């Protein structure tokens, strides 16, 4: 009977020690997984910020190009209008 109790106690102690180390291993693995997750989230956030910055830069360049094109169009229209006015002026002088 005493032998059974000793064996039972030894098994119980063995399970307790095994459980303790198993729990430590699981906690380490969970902590490592959480750190990896945080690292990936940080990288993802940085990538999204870079993408948004690139999109903002592209939008600014497109807006600048549109403004330049509008200015060039206005300049050409002014030159064309001036040319038309000169042509009309010369034509009116030739008729006299």
Protein backbone atom coordinates (compact mmCIF):
# COMPACT_ATOMS: atom_id res chain seq x y z
CA UNK A 1 0.00 0.00 0.00
CA UNK A 2 2.81 2.35 0.86
CA UNK A 3 4.51 1.46 -2.39
CA UNK A 4 1.38 2.46 -4.31
CA UNK A 5 1.20 5.77 -2.48
CA UNK A 6 4.86 6.48 -3.19
CA UNK A 7 4.40 5.64 -6.87
CA UNK A 8 1.26 7.78 -7.01
CA UNK A 9 3.06 10.70 -5.40
CA UNK A 10 6.00 10.30 -7.78
CA UNK A 11 3.66 10.27 -10.79
CA UNK A 12 1.84 13.33 -9.47
CA UNK A 13 5.10 15.19 -8.90
CA UNK A 14 6.29 14.15 -12.38
CA UNK A 15 3.09 15.44 -13.97
CA UNK A 16 3.43 18.68 -12.04
CA UNK A 17 7.00 19.24 -13.17
CA UNK A 18 6.18 18.27 -16.74
CA UNK A 19 3.17 20.59 -16.71
CA UNK A 20 5.28 23.43 -15.35
CA UNK A 21 7.85 23.17 -18.15
CA UNK A 22 5.14 22.63 -20.75
CA UNK A 23 3.41 25.78 -19.54
CA UNK A 24 6.64 27.76 -19.70
CA UNK A 25 7.25 26.55 -23.24
CA UNK A 26 3.72 27.53 -24.28
CA UNK A 27 4.09 30.98 -22.71
CA UNK A 28 7.37 31.53 -24.54
CA UNK A 29 5.81 30.45 -27.83
CA UNK A 30 2.81 32.71 -27.25
CA UNK A 31 5.04 35.66 -26.36
CA UNK A 32 7.12 35.07 -29.50
CA UNK A 33 3.97 34.88 -31.62
CA UNK A 34 2.69 38.14 -30.10
CA UNK A 35 6.00 39.88 -30.80
CA UNK A 36 5.96 38.62 -34.40
CA UNK A 37 2.37 39.86 -34.78
CA UNK A 38 3.30 43.31 -33.43
CA UNK A 39 6.30 43.45 -35.78
CA UNK A 40 4.16 42.54 -38.79
CA UNK A 41 1.52 45.10 -37.82
CA UNK A 42 4.21 47.79 -37.52
CA UNK A 43 5.62 46.88 -40.93
CA UNK A 44 2.13 46.86 -42.44
CA UNK A 45 1.37 50.29 -40.96
CA UNK A 46 4.65 51.68 -42.31
CA UNK A 47 3.92 50.23 -45.76
CA UNK A 48 0.44 51.78 -45.76
CA UNK A 49 1.89 55.15 -44.75
CA UNK A 50 4.45 54.95 -47.57
CA UNK A 51 1.70 54.08 -50.06
CA UNK A 52 -0.45 56.98 -48.89
CA UNK A 53 2.52 59.34 -49.18
CA UNK A 54 3.21 58.10 -52.72
CA UNK A 55 -0.44 58.58 -53.68
CA UNK A 56 -0.36 62.09 -52.22
CA UNK A 57 2.80 62.89 -54.20
CA UNK A 58 1.20 61.56 -57.41
CA UNK A 59 -1.94 63.61 -56.79
CA UNK A 60 0.15 66.74 -56.23
CA UNK A 61 2.12 66.11 -59.44
CA UNK A 62 -1.09 65.56 -61.41
CA UNK A 63 -2.57 68.75 -59.98
CA UNK A 64 0.60 70.68 -60.85
CA UNK A 65 0.54 69.28 -64.39
CA UNK A 66 -3.11 70.28 -64.75
CA UNK A 67 -2.32 73.81 -63.59
CA UNK A 68 0.61 74.04 -66.01
CA UNK A 69 -1.50 72.72 -68.88
CA UNK A 70 -4.25 75.23 -68.10
CA UNK A 71 -1.70 78.05 -67.97
CA UNK A 72 -0.20 76.92 -71.28
CA UNK A 73 -3.66 76.71 -72.85
CA UNK A 74 -4.51 80.19 -71.58
CA UNK A 75 -1.20 81.50 -72.93
CA UNK A 76 -1.83 79.96 -76.33
CA UNK A 77 -5.36 81.33 -76.36
CA UNK A 78 -4.04 84.79 -75.53
CA UNK A 79 -1.42 84.53 -78.25
CA UNK A 80 -3.96 83.16 -80.68
CA UNK A 81 -6.43 85.87 -79.76
CA UNK A 82 -3.72 88.50 -80.19
CA UNK A 83 -2.81 87.04 -83.56
CA UNK A 84 -6.44 87.08 -84.58
CA UNK A 85 -6.76 90.72 -83.49
CA UNK A 86 -3.64 91.66 -85.49
CA UNK A 87 -4.93 89.79 -88.53
CA UNK A 88 -8.25 91.60 -88.31
CA UNK A 89 -6.43 94.90 -87.87
CA UNK A 90 -4.28 94.29 -90.97
CA UNK A 91 -7.25 93.12 -92.97
CA UNK A 92 -9.23 96.20 -92.02
CA UNK A 93 -6.29 98.46 -93.01
CA UNK A 94 -5.86 96.73 -96.40
CA UNK A 95 -9.51 97.25 -97.34
CA UNK A 96 -9.24 101.03 -96.95
